[in-house]
Amino acid sequence: MKLEETAELIGDLQKAQSDRLGLPTFPVPPYTHPPTDHEVELANRITNNLTEMAKQANPGSLVSSEALHKAMGINLDAATFQSVHQTNFASSGFTGKPS
């Protein structure tokens, strides 16, 4: 199952990163050792697995509308939303009734 495989890959990546970051540092930038090819491969496999699983899920199962709005800086206060639309419709002459 992809989820179990991905969880194992994340554990492997965590160990590889801990091992690398536990090495003695350099006295000048970048101070730490760069990611190994193995770490990059693990990260790519994790990304691919998560992408495949996300494609099979409904968007609402992954993130709520509220979280998306917050991330995008959109504040949809219901009262403000309704008031803005009523004002826009009224000023456009739209009554909602057939003419």
Protein backbone atom coordinates (compact mmCIF):
# COMPACT_ATOMS: atom_id res chain seq x y z
CA MET A 1 0.00 0.00 0.00
CA LYS A 2 1.33 3.45 -0.95
CA LEU A 3 0.61 4.97 2.46
CA GLU A 4 2.66 2.36 4.32
CA GLU A 5 5.47 2.59 1.77
CA THR A 6 5.51 6.38 2.06
CA ALA A 7 5.60 6.21 5.86
CA GLU A 8 8.61 3.89 5.64
CA LEU A 9 10.32 6.20 3.13
CA ILE A 10 9.76 9.17 5.45
CA GLY A 11 11.41 7.23 8.28
CA ASP A 12 14.34 6.34 6.02
CA LEU A 13 14.71 9.98 4.96
CA GLN A 14 14.60 11.15 8.57
CA LYS A 15 17.40 8.74 9.49
CA ALA A 16 19.52 9.74 6.48
CA GLN A 17 19.07 13.43 7.28
CA SER A 18 19.87 12.91 10.96
CA ASP A 19 23.02 11.00 10.04
CA ARG A 20 24.13 13.75 7.64
CA LEU A 21 23.29 16.60 9.99
CA GLY A 22 25.13 14.81 12.79
CA LEU A 23 28.42 14.99 10.88
CA PRO A 24 30.98 17.62 11.91
CA THR A 25 30.14 20.98 10.34
CA PHE A 26 32.31 23.11 8.09
CA PRO A 27 33.81 26.31 9.53
CA VAL A 28 32.49 28.35 6.55
CA PRO A 29 29.15 28.44 4.70
CA PRO A 30 27.22 26.31 3.91
CA TYR A 31 28.37 24.82 7.27
CA THR A 32 26.58 21.50 6.69
CA HIS A 33 27.03 18.74 4.17
CA PRO A 34 24.65 18.89 1.18
CA PRO A 35 21.93 16.24 0.84
CA THR A 36 23.17 12.93 -0.47
CA ASP A 37 21.89 11.36 -3.68
CA HIS A 38 20.10 8.81 -1.49
CA GLU A 39 18.26 11.59 0.39
CA VAL A 40 17.24 13.27 -2.86
CA GLU A 41 15.99 9.94 -4.24
CA LEU A 42 13.96 9.29 -1.08
CA ALA A 43 12.48 12.79 -1.15
CA ASN A 44 11.50 12.37 -4.81
CA ARG A 45 9.84 9.01 -4.13
CA ILE A 46 7.95 10.48 -1.18
CA THR A 47 6.81 13.42 -3.30
CA ASN A 48 5.67 11.12 -6.12
CA ASN A 49 3.76 8.84 -3.73
CA LEU A 50 2.03 11.75 -2.01
CA THR A 51 1.14 13.25 -5.39
CA GLU A 52 -0.38 9.96 -6.58
CA MET A 53 -2.43 9.60 -3.40
CA ALA A 54 -3.59 13.22 -3.51
CA LYS A 55 -4.81 12.81 -7.09
CA GLN A 56 -7.12 10.02 -5.94
CA ALA A 57 -8.66 12.00 -3.07
CA ASN A 58 -11.46 14.54 -3.11
CA PRO A 59 -10.07 18.06 -2.59
CA GLY A 60 -12.14 18.51 0.57
CA SER A 61 -10.48 15.43 2.05
CA LEU A 62 -7.08 17.10 1.78
CA VAL A 63 -7.82 20.64 2.91
CA SER A 64 -10.83 22.62 4.04
CA SER A 65 -12.22 25.59 2.14
CA GLU A 66 -11.53 27.73 5.19
CA ALA A 67 -7.85 26.77 5.18
CA LEU A 68 -7.58 27.59 1.48
CA HIS A 69 -9.25 30.96 1.98
CA LYS A 70 -6.96 31.75 4.90
CA ALA A 71 -3.85 30.74 2.92
CA MET A 72 -4.97 32.96 0.05
CA GLY A 73 -5.79 35.87 2.36
CA ILE A 74 -9.49 35.73 1.55
CA ASN A 75 -11.90 36.62 4.35
CA LEU A 76 -15.39 35.48 3.49
CA ASP A 77 -17.30 36.79 6.44
CA ALA A 78 -20.85 35.73 5.57
CA ALA A 79 -22.41 39.08 6.47
CA THR A 80 -19.85 41.04 4.46
CA PHE A 81 -20.16 38.65 1.53
CA GLN A 82 -23.95 38.96 1.45
CA SER A 83 -23.87 42.74 1.87
CA VAL A 84 -21.35 43.23 -0.95
CA HIS A 85 -23.38 41.13 -3.36
CA GLN A 86 -26.67 42.81 -2.49
CA THR A 87 -25.06 46.21 -3.05
CA ASN A 88 -23.58 45.12 -6.39
CA PHE A 89 -26.89 43.70 -7.60
CA ALA A 90 -28.86 46.75 -6.48
CA SER A 91 -26.51 49.21 -8.17
CA SER A 92 -26.59 47.19 -11.41
CA GLY A 93 -30.41 47.31 -11.54
CA PHE A 94 -30.66 43.52 -11.13
CA THR A 95 -33.78 42.54 -9.21
CA GLY A 96 -33.60 38.79 -9.61
CA LYS A 97 -36.99 38.80 -11.35
CA PRO A 98 -37.50 38.12 -15.03
CA SER A 99 -38.15 41.25 -17.06
